Amino acid sequence: MIIVWGSFEARADKVEEAKQLSLDHVRRSRKEPGCISHSVQADVENPNRLVFFEEWEDMPALQAHFEVAESAEFIESVTRLAACPPTMKIFESTLTS
């Protein structure tokens, strides 16, 4: 399984727009093949910061997600709304249940 953690801080005047774009992206992404989970949360300590947590079956599924045109459009949009560059970390889980 592949785990993705990411976040960005929206400019104060763009938080609501960022939340809506993020929800749209999460809901669309959940329908993609290989998506186990995809969520967005508001940071309790910083209301302008949104945090994403994703689980994907494998790296090919995540790569396919990155190739979806709407995913690229989402990154471009949140980058324009961000107070600083977004961050993303990708981890591969070797744990089995």
C-alpha atoms as a PDB file:
ATOM      1  CA  MET A   1       0.000   0.000   0.000  1.00  0.00           C
ATOM      2  CA  ILE A   2       1.107   3.553  -0.752  1.00  0.00           C
ATOM      3  CA  ILE A   3       0.363   6.336   1.733  1.00  0.00           C
ATOM      4  CA  VAL A   4       0.361   9.982   0.716  1.00  0.00           C
ATOM      5  CA  TRP A   5       0.412  12.846   3.199  1.00  0.00           C
ATOM      6  CA  GLY A   6       0.220  16.410   1.988  1.00  0.00           C
ATOM      7  CA  SER A   7      -0.750  19.868   3.137  1.00  0.00           C
ATOM      8  CA  PHE A   8      -0.951  23.483   2.147  1.00  0.00           C
ATOM      9  CA  GLU A   9      -1.799  26.745   3.815  1.00  0.00           C
ATOM     10  CA  ALA A  10      -4.336  28.815   1.927  1.00  0.00           C
ATOM     11  CA  ARG A  11      -4.158  32.576   1.928  1.00  0.00           C
ATOM     12  CA  ALA A  12      -6.653  33.908   4.492  1.00  0.00           C
ATOM     13  CA  ASP A  13      -8.956  35.335   1.823  1.00  0.00           C
ATOM     14  CA  LYS A  14      -8.972  32.031  -0.138  1.00  0.00           C
ATOM     15  CA  VAL A  15      -9.647  29.442   2.607  1.00  0.00           C
ATOM     16  CA  GLU A  16     -13.270  28.729   1.685  1.00  0.00           C
ATOM     17  CA  GLU A  17     -12.408  28.369  -2.004  1.00  0.00           C
ATOM     18  CA  ALA A  18      -9.523  26.067  -1.076  1.00  0.00           C
ATOM     19  CA  LYS A  19     -11.805  23.917   1.086  1.00  0.00           C
ATOM     20  CA  GLN A  20     -14.329  23.506  -1.718  1.00  0.00           C
ATOM     21  CA  LEU A  21     -11.671  22.671  -4.317  1.00  0.00           C
ATOM     22  CA  SER A  22     -10.145  20.176  -1.882  1.00  0.00           C
ATOM     23  CA  LEU A  23     -13.465  18.468  -1.176  1.00  0.00           C
ATOM     24  CA  ASP A  24     -14.196  18.210  -4.891  1.00  0.00           C
ATOM     25  CA  HIS A  25     -10.753  16.699  -5.486  1.00  0.00           C
ATOM     26  CA  VAL A  26     -11.089  14.192  -2.624  1.00  0.00           C
ATOM     27  CA  ARG A  27     -14.560  13.061  -3.701  1.00  0.00           C
ATOM     28  CA  ARG A  28     -13.436  12.606  -7.306  1.00  0.00           C
ATOM     29  CA  SER A  29     -10.249  10.804  -6.307  1.00  0.00           C
ATOM     30  CA  ARG A  30     -12.115   8.290  -4.135  1.00  0.00           C
ATOM     31  CA  LYS A  31     -13.757   6.932  -7.294  1.00  0.00           C
ATOM     32  CA  GLU A  32     -10.447   6.205  -9.032  1.00  0.00           C
ATOM     33  CA  PRO A  33      -9.220   2.615  -9.407  1.00  0.00           C
ATOM     34  CA  GLY A  34      -6.801   1.686  -6.637  1.00  0.00           C
ATOM     35  CA  CYS A  35      -7.906   4.401  -4.201  1.00  0.00           C
ATOM     36  CA  ILE A  36      -8.419   2.883  -0.757  1.00  0.00           C
ATOM     37  CA  SER A  37      -9.043   6.181   1.036  1.00  0.00           C
ATOM     38  CA  HIS A  38      -8.655   9.882   0.364  1.00  0.00           C
ATOM     39  CA  SER A  39      -9.460  12.638   2.851  1.00  0.00           C
ATOM     40  CA  VAL A  40      -8.874  16.272   3.705  1.00  0.00           C
ATOM     41  CA  GLN A  41      -8.894  17.813   7.182  1.00  0.00           C
ATOM     42  CA  ALA A  42      -8.599  21.318   8.560  1.00  0.00           C
ATOM     43  CA  ASP A  43      -5.652  21.854  10.915  1.00  0.00           C
ATOM     44  CA  VAL A  44      -7.001  22.703  14.376  1.00  0.00           C
ATOM     45  CA  GLU A  45      -4.014  24.909  15.177  1.00  0.00           C
ATOM     46  CA  ASN A  46      -3.995  26.720  11.837  1.00  0.00           C
ATOM     47  CA  PRO A  47      -7.452  27.151  10.253  1.00  0.00           C
ATOM     48  CA  ASN A  48      -5.882  28.158   6.923  1.00  0.00           C
ATOM     49  CA  ARG A  49      -4.008  24.831   6.602  1.00  0.00           C
ATOM     50  CA  LEU A  50      -5.572  21.783   4.948  1.00  0.00           C
ATOM     51  CA  VAL A  51      -4.078  18.322   5.393  1.00  0.00           C
ATOM     52  CA  PHE A  52      -4.568  15.382   3.038  1.00  0.00           C
ATOM     53  CA  PHE A  53      -4.253  11.686   3.805  1.00  0.00           C
ATOM     54  CA  GLU A  54      -4.492   9.090   1.045  1.00  0.00           C
ATOM     55  CA  GLU A  55      -4.074   5.329   0.745  1.00  0.00           C
ATOM     56  CA  TRP A  56      -3.526   3.674  -2.632  1.00  0.00           C
ATOM     57  CA  GLU A  57      -3.297  -0.011  -3.504  1.00  0.00           C
ATOM     58  CA  ASP A  58       0.084   0.393  -5.192  1.00  0.00           C
ATOM     59  CA  MET A  59       2.394   2.842  -6.946  1.00  0.00           C
ATOM     60  CA  PRO A  60       0.854   2.297 -10.426  1.00  0.00           C
ATOM     61  CA  ALA A  61      -2.550   3.350  -9.013  1.00  0.00           C
ATOM     62  CA  LEU A  62      -1.021   6.496  -7.507  1.00  0.00           C
ATOM     63  CA  GLN A  63       0.844   7.295 -10.725  1.00  0.00           C
ATOM     64  CA  ALA A  64      -2.412   6.909 -12.671  1.00  0.00           C
ATOM     65  CA  HIS A  65      -4.029   9.338 -10.207  1.00  0.00           C
ATOM     66  CA  PHE A  66      -1.279  11.887 -10.844  1.00  0.00           C
ATOM     67  CA  GLU A  67      -1.883  11.546 -14.603  1.00  0.00           C
ATOM     68  CA  VAL A  68      -5.587  12.414 -14.351  1.00  0.00           C
ATOM     69  CA  ALA A  69      -6.055  15.900 -15.794  1.00  0.00           C
ATOM     70  CA  GLU A  70      -8.206  16.989 -12.847  1.00  0.00           C
ATOM     71  CA  SER A  71      -5.417  16.109 -10.424  1.00  0.00           C
ATOM     72  CA  ALA A  72      -2.983  18.392 -12.222  1.00  0.00           C
ATOM     73  CA  GLU A  73      -5.625  21.127 -12.358  1.00  0.00           C
ATOM     74  CA  PHE A  74      -6.192  20.744  -8.604  1.00  0.00           C
ATOM     75  CA  ILE A  75      -2.474  21.158  -7.847  1.00  0.00           C
ATOM     76  CA  GLU A  76      -2.308  24.259 -10.045  1.00  0.00           C
ATOM     77  CA  SER A  77      -5.397  25.734  -8.373  1.00  0.00           C
ATOM     78  CA  VAL A  78      -4.288  25.192  -4.778  1.00  0.00           C
ATOM     79  CA  THR A  79      -0.822  26.479  -5.586  1.00  0.00           C
ATOM     80  CA  ARG A  80      -2.428  29.753  -6.713  1.00  0.00           C
ATOM     81  CA  LEU A  81      -4.462  29.896  -3.472  1.00  0.00           C
ATOM     82  CA  ALA A  82      -1.569  28.957  -1.187  1.00  0.00           C
ATOM     83  CA  ALA A  83       0.367  31.263   1.094  1.00  0.00           C
ATOM     84  CA  CYS A  84       3.445  29.051   0.549  1.00  0.00           C
ATOM     85  CA  PRO A  85       4.231  26.007  -1.612  1.00  0.00           C
ATOM     86  CA  PRO A  86       2.235  22.824  -0.845  1.00  0.00           C
ATOM     87  CA  THR A  87       4.075  19.837   0.627  1.00  0.00           C
ATOM     88  CA  MET A  88       3.633  16.134  -0.101  1.00  0.00           C
ATOM     89  CA  LYS A  89       5.265  12.972   1.222  1.00  0.00           C
ATOM     90  CA  ILE A  90       4.819   9.472  -0.172  1.00  0.00           C
ATOM     91  CA  PHE A  91       5.392   6.348   1.901  1.00  0.00           C
ATOM     92  CA  GLU A  92       5.238   2.679   1.023  1.00  0.00           C
ATOM     93  CA  SER A  93       3.754   0.458   3.708  1.00  0.00           C
ATOM     94  CA  THR A  94       5.118  -3.057   3.978  1.00  0.00           C
ATOM     95  CA  LEU A  95       2.810  -4.010   6.847  1.00  0.00           C
ATOM     96  CA  THR A  96       0.298  -6.753   6.216  1.00  0.00           C
ATOM     97  CA  SER A  97      -2.862  -7.373   8.168  1.00  0.00           C
END
